[in-house]
Amino acid sequence: MKKYRTNYETLLKVTKALSMSKDPKEVIQITVHNIKETLNLKGCALYLINAETNEFELAASHGLSKEYLEKGPVSVSRPVAKSLTEGPMAIYDTQDDPRVQYVEEAKKEGIVSILSVPIYVRGVVIGAMRVYTSEHWEFTLEDVNFVQALAEIAGIVTDLTRLIQGQNEYIDILESLKEVREM
């Protein structure tokens, strides 16, 4: 019962940050921080897909070293990323799973298990939320659902940011055209 209360409290923190913050990056950072702390994990990271490079780009993280985060490009075409279209994916042992892209780096970082959940926006995968543990972890359905719910919130924030950015660019174009016409 305590775990559920903690999950709900975390969900409330994240949604409160969402409603109060004008900075979506801050909301995403609060999200990864709270997932890491609530589940008592090694770390948590949120990656967004860069359509031009076909790689994941780090949007926010908590609990992982700079060295690990800069280990190299995380390919969207790797099995872990491809599997996201089918839903969440758990790796029980990073040292014994062919889906892990950076095995030695995970070992050096002390990462033993990984849960990766897709971030959807309007039915399209735009990224992944990943949680990392320092011990073998069989993720429960509650763990997966909790991380997935917060990943969906992060997806909504990301999409909203892109829409606002596009709207602001459109307004700038309209203002530029207005200035040209007035000349």
N, C-alpha and C. Protein backbone atom coordinates (compact mmCIF):
# COMPACT_ATOMS: atom_id res chain seq x y z
N MET A 1 0.82 -1.19 0.00
CA MET A 1 0.00 0.00 0.00
C MET A 1 0.87 1.27 0.00
N LYS A 2 1.99 1.20 0.74
CA LYS A 2 2.88 2.36 0.81
C LYS A 2 3.45 2.69 -0.58
N LYS A 3 3.80 1.65 -1.35
CA LYS A 3 4.36 1.85 -2.68
C LYS A 3 3.37 2.59 -3.57
N TYR A 4 2.08 2.20 -3.52
CA TYR A 4 1.07 2.87 -4.33
C TYR A 4 0.92 4.33 -3.92
N ARG A 5 0.95 4.59 -2.62
CA ARG A 5 0.84 5.97 -2.13
C ARG A 5 2.02 6.80 -2.65
N THR A 6 3.22 6.21 -2.58
CA THR A 6 4.41 6.90 -3.06
C THR A 6 4.30 7.19 -4.55
N ASN A 7 3.81 6.21 -5.33
CA ASN A 7 3.63 6.42 -6.77
C ASN A 7 2.64 7.54 -7.04
N TYR A 8 1.53 7.56 -6.31
CA TYR A 8 0.54 8.62 -6.49
C TYR A 8 1.10 9.98 -6.09
N GLU A 9 1.88 10.02 -5.02
CA GLU A 9 2.50 11.28 -4.61
C GLU A 9 3.45 11.79 -5.68
N THR A 10 4.21 10.87 -6.28
CA THR A 10 5.11 11.25 -7.36
C THR A 10 4.33 11.75 -8.57
N LEU A 11 3.26 11.07 -8.92
CA LEU A 11 2.42 11.50 -10.02
C LEU A 11 1.87 12.91 -9.76
N LEU A 12 1.47 13.16 -8.53
CA LEU A 12 0.97 14.50 -8.17
C LEU A 12 2.07 15.55 -8.30
N LYS A 13 3.29 15.24 -7.87
CA LYS A 13 4.41 16.18 -7.99
C LYS A 13 4.66 16.54 -9.45
N VAL A 14 4.68 15.52 -10.30
CA VAL A 14 4.97 15.75 -11.71
C VAL A 14 3.86 16.55 -12.38
N THR A 15 2.61 16.19 -12.11
CA THR A 15 1.51 16.93 -12.74
C THR A 15 1.42 18.35 -12.19
N LYS A 16 1.78 18.55 -10.93
CA LYS A 16 1.81 19.91 -10.37
C LYS A 16 2.90 20.73 -11.05
N ALA A 17 4.07 20.11 -11.25
CA ALA A 17 5.15 20.80 -11.95
C ALA A 17 4.73 21.15 -13.36
N LEU A 18 4.03 20.24 -14.01
CA LEU A 18 3.52 20.48 -15.36
C LEU A 18 2.59 21.68 -15.40
N SER A 19 1.70 21.77 -14.42
CA SER A 19 0.72 22.85 -14.42
C SER A 19 1.32 24.19 -13.99
N MET A 20 2.44 24.17 -13.28
CA MET A 20 3.01 25.41 -12.76
C MET A 20 4.21 25.91 -13.55
N SER A 21 4.89 25.03 -14.26
CA SER A 21 6.12 25.42 -14.93
C SER A 21 5.86 25.95 -16.34
N LYS A 22 6.65 26.92 -16.70
CA LYS A 22 6.60 27.43 -18.07
C LYS A 22 7.74 26.81 -18.89
N ASP A 23 8.55 26.02 -18.24
CA ASP A 23 9.70 25.41 -18.89
C ASP A 23 9.51 23.90 -18.99
N PRO A 24 9.19 23.38 -20.18
CA PRO A 24 8.97 21.95 -20.34
C PRO A 24 10.19 21.11 -19.98
N LYS A 25 11.39 21.65 -20.20
CA LYS A 25 12.60 20.91 -19.85
C LYS A 25 12.64 20.66 -18.34
N GLU A 26 12.18 21.63 -17.59
CA GLU A 26 12.13 21.48 -16.14
C GLU A 26 11.16 20.36 -15.74
N VAL A 27 10.01 20.30 -16.41
CA VAL A 27 9.03 19.25 -16.11
C VAL A 27 9.61 17.88 -16.43
N ILE A 28 10.29 17.77 -17.55
CA ILE A 28 10.89 16.49 -17.94
C ILE A 28 11.97 16.10 -16.93
N GLN A 29 12.77 17.08 -16.50
CA GLN A 29 13.81 16.80 -15.50
C GLN A 29 13.19 16.36 -14.17
N ILE A 30 12.12 17.02 -13.75
CA ILE A 30 11.41 16.63 -12.52
C ILE A 30 10.87 15.21 -12.66
N THR A 31 10.38 14.88 -13.84
CA THR A 31 9.83 13.55 -14.08
C THR A 31 10.89 12.47 -13.89
N VAL A 32 12.05 12.61 -14.56
CA VAL A 32 13.08 11.58 -14.44
C VAL A 32 13.63 11.51 -13.02
N HIS A 33 13.75 12.66 -12.39
CA HIS A 33 14.23 12.70 -11.00
C HIS A 33 13.28 11.92 -10.08
N ASN A 34 11.99 12.17 -10.22
CA ASN A 34 11.01 11.53 -9.34
C ASN A 34 10.88 10.04 -9.61
N ILE A 35 10.99 9.61 -10.85
CA ILE A 35 10.96 8.18 -11.14
C ILE A 35 12.15 7.50 -10.47
N LYS A 36 13.33 8.08 -10.62
CA LYS A 36 14.54 7.50 -10.02
C LYS A 36 14.39 7.40 -8.51
N GLU A 37 13.94 8.48 -7.89
CA GLU A 37 13.84 8.50 -6.43
C GLU A 37 12.72 7.60 -5.92
N THR A 38 11.57 7.63 -6.57
CA THR A 38 10.42 6.85 -6.11
C THR A 38 10.70 5.36 -6.15
N LEU A 39 11.29 4.89 -7.24
CA LEU A 39 11.56 3.46 -7.39
C LEU A 39 12.92 3.05 -6.81
N ASN A 40 13.67 4.04 -6.29
CA ASN A 40 14.98 3.79 -5.70
C ASN A 40 15.89 3.09 -6.72
N LEU A 41 16.07 3.73 -7.85
CA LEU A 41 16.82 3.18 -8.97
C LEU A 41 18.24 3.72 -9.03
N LYS A 42 19.04 3.13 -9.88
CA LYS A 42 20.38 3.64 -10.19
C LYS A 42 20.24 4.95 -10.96
N GLY A 43 19.33 4.96 -11.95
CA GLY A 43 19.16 6.17 -12.75
C GLY A 43 17.94 6.09 -13.63
N CYS A 44 17.63 7.21 -14.25
CA CYS A 44 16.51 7.31 -15.17
C CYS A 44 16.89 8.33 -16.25
N ALA A 45 16.49 8.04 -17.48
CA ALA A 45 16.79 8.95 -18.59
C ALA A 45 15.64 8.98 -19.57
N LEU A 46 15.45 10.13 -20.17
CA LEU A 46 14.44 10.30 -21.20
C LEU A 46 15.15 10.65 -22.50
N TYR A 47 14.87 9.87 -23.53
CA TYR A 47 15.46 10.08 -24.85
C TYR A 47 14.38 10.41 -25.85
N LEU A 48 14.67 11.33 -26.77
CA LEU A 48 13.77 11.64 -27.86
C LEU A 48 14.44 11.23 -29.17
N ILE A 49 13.65 10.80 -30.13
CA ILE A 49 14.18 10.36 -31.41
C ILE A 49 14.47 11.57 -32.29
N ASN A 50 15.68 11.61 -32.82
CA ASN A 50 16.05 12.62 -33.81
C ASN A 50 15.80 11.98 -35.17
N ALA A 51 14.80 12.46 -35.89
CA ALA A 51 14.41 11.85 -37.16
C ALA A 51 15.51 11.97 -38.22
N GLU A 52 16.35 12.99 -38.13
CA GLU A 52 17.40 13.18 -39.12
C GLU A 52 18.55 12.19 -38.96
N THR A 53 18.93 11.91 -37.71
CA THR A 53 20.07 11.02 -37.46
C THR A 53 19.64 9.58 -37.14
N ASN A 54 18.35 9.37 -36.90
CA ASN A 54 17.81 8.07 -36.50
C ASN A 54 18.47 7.57 -35.21
N GLU A 55 18.71 8.51 -34.30
CA GLU A 55 19.31 8.20 -33.02
C GLU A 55 18.49 8.83 -31.90
N PHE A 56 18.63 8.23 -30.71
CA PHE A 56 18.02 8.83 -29.54
C PHE A 56 18.90 9.97 -29.05
N GLU A 57 18.28 11.06 -28.66
CA GLU A 57 19.01 12.18 -28.06
C GLU A 57 18.52 12.34 -26.63
N LEU A 58 19.47 12.50 -25.73
CA LEU A 58 19.14 12.66 -24.32
C LEU A 58 18.41 13.97 -24.09
N ALA A 59 17.23 13.90 -23.46
CA ALA A 59 16.48 15.11 -23.11
C ALA A 59 16.64 15.43 -21.63
N ALA A 60 16.76 14.39 -20.78
CA ALA A 60 16.93 14.59 -19.34
C ALA A 60 17.40 13.29 -18.71
N SER A 61 18.13 13.42 -17.60
CA SER A 61 18.54 12.22 -16.87
C SER A 61 18.77 12.57 -15.41
N HIS A 62 18.79 11.52 -14.60
CA HIS A 62 19.10 11.68 -13.18
C HIS A 62 19.74 10.38 -12.68
N GLY A 63 20.89 10.52 -12.00
CA GLY A 63 21.53 9.38 -11.39
C GLY A 63 22.59 8.68 -12.23
N LEU A 64 22.78 9.12 -13.46
CA LEU A 64 23.76 8.48 -14.35
C LEU A 64 24.94 9.42 -14.56
N SER A 65 26.13 8.84 -14.69
CA SER A 65 27.33 9.65 -14.85
C SER A 65 27.37 10.30 -16.24
N LYS A 66 28.08 11.41 -16.31
CA LYS A 66 28.27 12.10 -17.58
C LYS A 66 28.99 11.17 -18.57
N GLU A 67 29.94 10.41 -18.05
CA GLU A 67 30.69 9.48 -18.90
C GLU A 67 29.75 8.45 -19.53
N TYR A 68 28.83 7.90 -18.76
CA TYR A 68 27.90 6.92 -19.31
C TYR A 68 26.97 7.57 -20.32
N LEU A 69 26.48 8.74 -20.01
CA LEU A 69 25.55 9.42 -20.91
C LEU A 69 26.20 9.81 -22.23
N GLU A 70 27.51 9.99 -22.22
CA GLU A 70 28.24 10.38 -23.43
C GLU A 70 28.98 9.20 -24.07
N LYS A 71 28.52 7.97 -23.79
CA LYS A 71 29.19 6.75 -24.26
C LYS A 71 29.17 6.61 -25.78
N GLY A 72 28.24 7.23 -26.44
CA GLY A 72 28.13 7.12 -27.88
C GLY A 72 26.67 7.21 -28.30
N PRO A 73 26.43 7.25 -29.60
CA PRO A 73 25.05 7.37 -30.07
C PRO A 73 24.21 6.14 -29.74
N VAL A 74 22.96 6.39 -29.37
CA VAL A 74 22.03 5.31 -29.08
C VAL A 74 21.14 5.17 -30.31
N SER A 75 21.34 4.11 -31.05
CA SER A 75 20.68 3.91 -32.33
C SER A 75 19.22 3.50 -32.16
N VAL A 76 18.36 4.12 -32.95
CA VAL A 76 16.93 3.78 -32.97
C VAL A 76 16.72 2.44 -33.66
N SER A 77 17.68 2.03 -34.50
CA SER A 77 17.52 0.79 -35.25
C SER A 77 17.97 -0.45 -34.47
N ARG A 78 18.55 -0.27 -33.30
CA ARG A 78 18.96 -1.40 -32.47
C ARG A 78 17.72 -2.14 -31.96
N PRO A 79 17.85 -3.41 -31.61
CA PRO A 79 16.69 -4.20 -31.16
C PRO A 79 15.92 -3.59 -30.00
N VAL A 80 16.61 -2.99 -29.03
CA VAL A 80 15.92 -2.38 -27.89
C VAL A 80 14.99 -1.28 -28.38
N ALA A 81 15.49 -0.42 -29.25
CA ALA A 81 14.68 0.68 -29.76
C ALA A 81 13.55 0.18 -30.65
N LYS A 82 13.85 -0.76 -31.53
CA LYS A 82 12.82 -1.30 -32.41
C LYS A 82 11.67 -1.92 -31.63
N SER A 83 12.00 -2.55 -30.52
CA SER A 83 10.97 -3.23 -29.74
C SER A 83 9.99 -2.25 -29.11
N LEU A 84 10.34 -0.99 -29.03
CA LEU A 84 9.46 -0.01 -28.40
C LEU A 84 8.13 0.13 -29.12
N THR A 85 8.11 -0.17 -30.40
CA THR A 85 6.83 -0.08 -31.12
C THR A 85 5.86 -1.14 -30.62
N GLU A 86 6.39 -2.16 -29.95
CA GLU A 86 5.56 -3.23 -29.41
C GLU A 86 5.21 -2.99 -27.94
N GLY A 87 5.78 -1.96 -27.33
CA GLY A 87 5.50 -1.66 -25.93
C GLY A 87 6.75 -1.70 -25.08
N PRO A 88 6.58 -1.69 -23.75
CA PRO A 88 7.73 -1.69 -22.84
C PRO A 88 8.60 -2.93 -23.01
N MET A 89 9.90 -2.77 -22.69
CA MET A 89 10.84 -3.86 -22.79
C MET A 89 11.74 -3.85 -21.56
N ALA A 90 11.87 -5.01 -20.93
CA ALA A 90 12.72 -5.14 -19.75
C ALA A 90 13.91 -6.04 -20.04
N ILE A 91 15.06 -5.63 -19.54
CA ILE A 91 16.27 -6.43 -19.63
C ILE A 91 16.68 -6.76 -18.20
N TYR A 92 16.68 -8.04 -17.89
CA TYR A 92 16.99 -8.49 -16.54
C TYR A 92 18.50 -8.42 -16.26
N ASP A 93 19.33 -8.77 -17.26
CA ASP A 93 20.78 -8.81 -17.07
C ASP A 93 21.47 -8.20 -18.29
N THR A 94 22.00 -6.99 -18.13
CA THR A 94 22.62 -6.28 -19.24
C THR A 94 23.86 -6.99 -19.77
N GLN A 95 24.47 -7.83 -18.95
CA GLN A 95 25.69 -8.53 -19.38
C GLN A 95 25.38 -9.78 -20.19
N ASP A 96 24.11 -10.18 -20.21
CA ASP A 96 23.75 -11.43 -20.87
C ASP A 96 22.53 -11.25 -21.78
N ASP A 97 22.44 -10.09 -22.41
CA ASP A 97 21.30 -9.82 -23.28
C ASP A 97 21.81 -9.16 -24.57
N PRO A 98 21.61 -9.81 -25.71
CA PRO A 98 22.14 -9.28 -26.97
C PRO A 98 21.50 -7.96 -27.41
N ARG A 99 20.43 -7.55 -26.78
CA ARG A 99 19.78 -6.30 -27.15
C ARG A 99 20.51 -5.08 -26.60
N VAL A 100 21.42 -5.27 -25.66
CA VAL A 100 22.14 -4.15 -25.04
C VAL A 100 23.23 -3.67 -25.98
N GLN A 101 23.23 -2.38 -26.29
CA GLN A 101 24.16 -1.80 -27.25
C GLN A 101 25.55 -1.56 -26.64
N TYR A 102 25.61 -1.09 -25.41
CA TYR A 102 26.87 -0.75 -24.77
C TYR A 102 27.07 -1.59 -23.51
N VAL A 103 27.43 -2.84 -23.69
CA VAL A 103 27.54 -3.80 -22.59
C VAL A 103 28.63 -3.39 -21.60
N GLU A 104 29.81 -3.09 -22.09
CA GLU A 104 30.93 -2.76 -21.20
C GLU A 104 30.67 -1.46 -20.44
N GLU A 105 30.08 -0.49 -21.12
CA GLU A 105 29.78 0.78 -20.48
C GLU A 105 28.72 0.60 -19.38
N ALA A 106 27.75 -0.27 -19.64
CA ALA A 106 26.74 -0.57 -18.62
C ALA A 106 27.39 -1.22 -17.40
N LYS A 107 28.30 -2.14 -17.65
CA LYS A 107 29.01 -2.82 -16.55
C LYS A 107 29.81 -1.82 -15.73
N LYS A 108 30.54 -0.95 -16.42
CA LYS A 108 31.35 0.06 -15.74
C LYS A 108 30.48 1.01 -14.92
N GLU A 109 29.31 1.32 -15.42
CA GLU A 109 28.38 2.23 -14.73
C GLU A 109 27.68 1.53 -13.57
N GLY A 110 27.72 0.20 -13.57
CA GLY A 110 27.04 -0.55 -12.51
C GLY A 110 25.58 -0.81 -12.81
N ILE A 111 25.23 -0.80 -14.10
CA ILE A 111 23.84 -1.03 -14.52
C ILE A 111 23.65 -2.53 -14.75
N VAL A 112 22.66 -3.10 -14.08
CA VAL A 112 22.40 -4.53 -14.18
C VAL A 112 21.11 -4.81 -14.96
N SER A 113 20.04 -4.05 -14.68
CA SER A 113 18.76 -4.24 -15.37
C SER A 113 18.29 -2.91 -15.94
N ILE A 114 17.50 -3.01 -17.03
CA ILE A 114 16.97 -1.82 -17.70
C ILE A 114 15.51 -2.06 -18.05
N LEU A 115 14.70 -1.03 -17.82
CA LEU A 115 13.33 -1.02 -18.32
C LEU A 115 13.24 0.15 -19.28
N SER A 116 12.75 -0.12 -20.47
CA SER A 116 12.58 0.92 -21.48
C SER A 116 11.13 0.95 -21.91
N VAL A 117 10.50 2.12 -21.78
CA VAL A 117 9.10 2.25 -22.21
C VAL A 117 9.01 3.31 -23.29
N PRO A 118 8.15 3.09 -24.26
CA PRO A 118 8.01 4.07 -25.34
C PRO A 118 7.28 5.32 -24.88
N ILE A 119 7.60 6.41 -25.54
CA ILE A 119 6.87 7.65 -25.34
C ILE A 119 6.09 7.90 -26.62
N TYR A 120 4.79 7.87 -26.50
CA TYR A 120 3.91 8.05 -27.66
C TYR A 120 3.33 9.45 -27.69
N VAL A 121 3.18 9.97 -28.90
CA VAL A 121 2.41 11.18 -29.14
C VAL A 121 1.54 10.89 -30.34
N ARG A 122 0.25 10.92 -30.14
CA ARG A 122 -0.74 10.64 -31.18
C ARG A 122 -0.45 9.31 -31.89
N GLY A 123 -0.08 8.31 -31.12
CA GLY A 123 0.14 6.97 -31.66
C GLY A 123 1.50 6.72 -32.28
N VAL A 124 2.37 7.71 -32.25
CA VAL A 124 3.70 7.58 -32.84
C VAL A 124 4.75 7.61 -31.73
N VAL A 125 5.72 6.70 -31.79
CA VAL A 125 6.79 6.69 -30.80
C VAL A 125 7.74 7.85 -31.10
N ILE A 126 7.90 8.75 -30.11
CA ILE A 126 8.82 9.89 -30.27
C ILE A 126 10.06 9.76 -29.41
N GLY A 127 10.08 8.75 -28.54
CA GLY A 127 11.23 8.58 -27.66
C GLY A 127 11.03 7.43 -26.71
N ALA A 128 11.87 7.42 -25.68
CA ALA A 128 11.81 6.34 -24.69
C ALA A 128 12.21 6.86 -23.32
N MET A 129 11.55 6.34 -22.32
CA MET A 129 11.94 6.57 -20.93
C MET A 129 12.63 5.28 -20.50
N ARG A 130 13.84 5.41 -19.96
CA ARG A 130 14.59 4.24 -19.51
C ARG A 130 14.94 4.37 -18.05
N VAL A 131 14.74 3.27 -17.32
CA VAL A 131 15.16 3.23 -15.93
C VAL A 131 16.24 2.15 -15.80
N TYR A 132 17.21 2.43 -14.95
CA TYR A 132 18.38 1.58 -14.79
C TYR A 132 18.53 1.19 -13.33
N THR A 133 18.84 -0.10 -13.09
CA THR A 133 19.04 -0.56 -11.72
C THR A 133 20.47 -1.07 -11.54
N SER A 134 20.92 -1.08 -10.30
CA SER A 134 22.26 -1.57 -9.98
C SER A 134 22.22 -3.01 -9.47
N GLU A 135 21.03 -3.60 -9.48
CA GLU A 135 20.88 -5.01 -9.11
C GLU A 135 19.84 -5.63 -10.02
N HIS A 136 19.84 -6.95 -10.10
CA HIS A 136 18.85 -7.61 -10.94
C HIS A 136 17.45 -7.26 -10.45
N TRP A 137 16.59 -6.89 -11.39
CA TRP A 137 15.26 -6.42 -11.03
C TRP A 137 14.26 -7.03 -12.01
N GLU A 138 13.32 -7.74 -11.47
CA GLU A 138 12.20 -8.21 -12.29
C GLU A 138 11.11 -7.16 -12.13
N PHE A 139 10.97 -6.33 -13.15
CA PHE A 139 10.02 -5.23 -13.09
C PHE A 139 8.59 -5.77 -13.03
N THR A 140 7.83 -5.25 -12.08
CA THR A 140 6.44 -5.67 -11.93
C THR A 140 5.56 -4.89 -12.90
N LEU A 141 4.36 -5.35 -13.09
CA LEU A 141 3.41 -4.63 -13.93
C LEU A 141 3.17 -3.23 -13.37
N GLU A 142 3.14 -3.10 -12.04
CA GLU A 142 2.95 -1.78 -11.41
C GLU A 142 4.13 -0.86 -11.73
N ASP A 143 5.36 -1.40 -11.70
CA ASP A 143 6.54 -0.60 -12.05
C ASP A 143 6.43 -0.11 -13.49
N VAL A 144 6.10 -1.02 -14.39
CA VAL A 144 6.00 -0.69 -15.81
C VAL A 144 4.91 0.36 -16.03
N ASN A 145 3.75 0.16 -15.44
CA ASN A 145 2.65 1.11 -15.60
C ASN A 145 2.98 2.48 -15.04
N PHE A 146 3.67 2.50 -13.90
CA PHE A 146 4.05 3.78 -13.29
C PHE A 146 5.00 4.54 -14.21
N VAL A 147 6.05 3.87 -14.69
CA VAL A 147 7.02 4.52 -15.58
C VAL A 147 6.34 4.92 -16.88
N GLN A 148 5.48 4.05 -17.42
CA GLN A 148 4.78 4.35 -18.67
C GLN A 148 3.88 5.58 -18.52
N ALA A 149 3.17 5.68 -17.41
CA ALA A 149 2.28 6.84 -17.19
C ALA A 149 3.08 8.14 -17.16
N LEU A 150 4.21 8.13 -16.47
CA LEU A 150 5.03 9.34 -16.42
C LEU A 150 5.71 9.62 -17.76
N ALA A 151 6.04 8.58 -18.51
CA ALA A 151 6.59 8.77 -19.85
C ALA A 151 5.55 9.42 -20.76
N GLU A 152 4.30 9.03 -20.61
CA GLU A 152 3.22 9.63 -21.41
C GLU A 152 3.06 11.12 -21.08
N ILE A 153 3.19 11.45 -19.80
CA ILE A 153 3.13 12.87 -19.40
C ILE A 153 4.27 13.63 -20.07
N ALA A 154 5.47 13.04 -20.04
CA ALA A 154 6.62 13.67 -20.69
C ALA A 154 6.38 13.85 -22.19
N GLY A 155 5.72 12.87 -22.81
CA GLY A 155 5.40 12.98 -24.23
C GLY A 155 4.43 14.12 -24.51
N ILE A 156 3.44 14.27 -23.65
CA ILE A 156 2.47 15.37 -23.80
C ILE A 156 3.19 16.71 -23.69
N VAL A 157 4.08 16.83 -22.71
CA VAL A 157 4.83 18.08 -22.52
C VAL A 157 5.70 18.36 -23.74
N THR A 158 6.36 17.34 -24.25
CA THR A 158 7.21 17.50 -25.43
C THR A 158 6.40 17.96 -26.63
N ASP A 159 5.27 17.31 -26.85
CA ASP A 159 4.41 17.67 -27.97
C ASP A 159 3.89 19.09 -27.82
N LEU A 160 3.47 19.44 -26.62
CA LEU A 160 2.96 20.79 -26.36
C LEU A 160 4.04 21.82 -26.64
N THR A 161 5.26 21.52 -26.23
CA THR A 161 6.38 22.43 -26.48
C THR A 161 6.60 22.64 -27.98
N ARG A 162 6.55 21.54 -28.72
CA ARG A 162 6.74 21.65 -30.16
C ARG A 162 5.62 22.46 -30.81
N LEU A 163 4.40 22.26 -30.34
CA LEU A 163 3.28 23.03 -30.89
C LEU A 163 3.42 24.52 -30.58
N ILE A 164 3.80 24.84 -29.36
CA ILE A 164 3.99 26.24 -28.98
C ILE A 164 5.13 26.86 -29.77
N GLN A 165 6.21 26.10 -29.94
CA GLN A 165 7.35 26.59 -30.71
C GLN A 165 6.92 26.87 -32.16
N GLY A 166 6.17 25.95 -32.74
CA GLY A 166 5.68 26.13 -34.10
C GLY A 166 4.75 27.33 -34.21
N GLN A 167 3.88 27.49 -33.21
CA GLN A 167 2.96 28.64 -33.20
C GLN A 167 3.75 29.94 -33.11
N ASN A 168 4.77 29.99 -32.27
CA ASN A 168 5.58 31.19 -32.14
C ASN A 168 6.33 31.51 -33.43
N GLU A 169 6.83 30.48 -34.11
CA GLU A 169 7.49 30.69 -35.40
C GLU A 169 6.50 31.22 -36.43
N TYR A 170 5.28 30.70 -36.42
CA TYR A 170 4.24 31.15 -37.34
C TYR A 170 3.90 32.62 -37.07
N ILE A 171 3.78 32.98 -35.81
CA ILE A 171 3.48 34.37 -35.44
C ILE A 171 4.62 35.28 -35.91
N ASP A 172 5.87 34.83 -35.74
CA ASP A 172 7.02 35.63 -36.19
C ASP A 172 6.97 35.84 -37.70
N ILE A 173 6.61 34.80 -38.45
CA ILE A 173 6.50 34.92 -39.91
C ILE A 173 5.42 35.92 -40.28
N LEU A 174 4.26 35.81 -39.62
CA LEU A 174 3.17 36.74 -39.90
C LEU A 174 3.58 38.18 -39.60
N GLU A 175 4.28 38.40 -38.50
CA GLU A 175 4.73 39.75 -38.16
C GLU A 175 5.74 40.27 -39.17
N SER A 176 6.62 39.38 -39.65
CA SER A 176 7.59 39.78 -40.68
C SER A 176 6.89 40.16 -41.97
N LEU A 177 5.86 39.38 -42.36
CA LEU A 177 5.10 39.71 -43.57
C LEU A 177 4.36 41.03 -43.41
N LYS A 178 3.83 41.28 -42.24
CA LYS A 178 3.13 42.53 -41.97
C LYS A 178 4.07 43.72 -42.11
N GLU A 179 5.31 43.56 -41.59
CA GLU A 179 6.30 44.63 -41.68
C GLU A 179 6.69 44.89 -43.14
N VAL A 180 6.81 43.82 -43.93
CA VAL A 180 7.15 43.95 -45.35
C VAL A 180 6.04 44.70 -46.09
N ARG A 181 4.81 44.38 -45.80
CA ARG A 181 3.67 45.03 -46.46
C ARG A 181 3.58 46.49 -46.10
N GLU A 182 3.99 46.85 -44.90
CA GLU A 182 3.88 48.23 -44.45
C GLU A 182 4.98 49.11 -45.03
N MET A 183 6.00 48.51 -45.63
CA MET A 183 7.10 49.29 -46.19
C MET A 183 6.72 49.97 -47.44
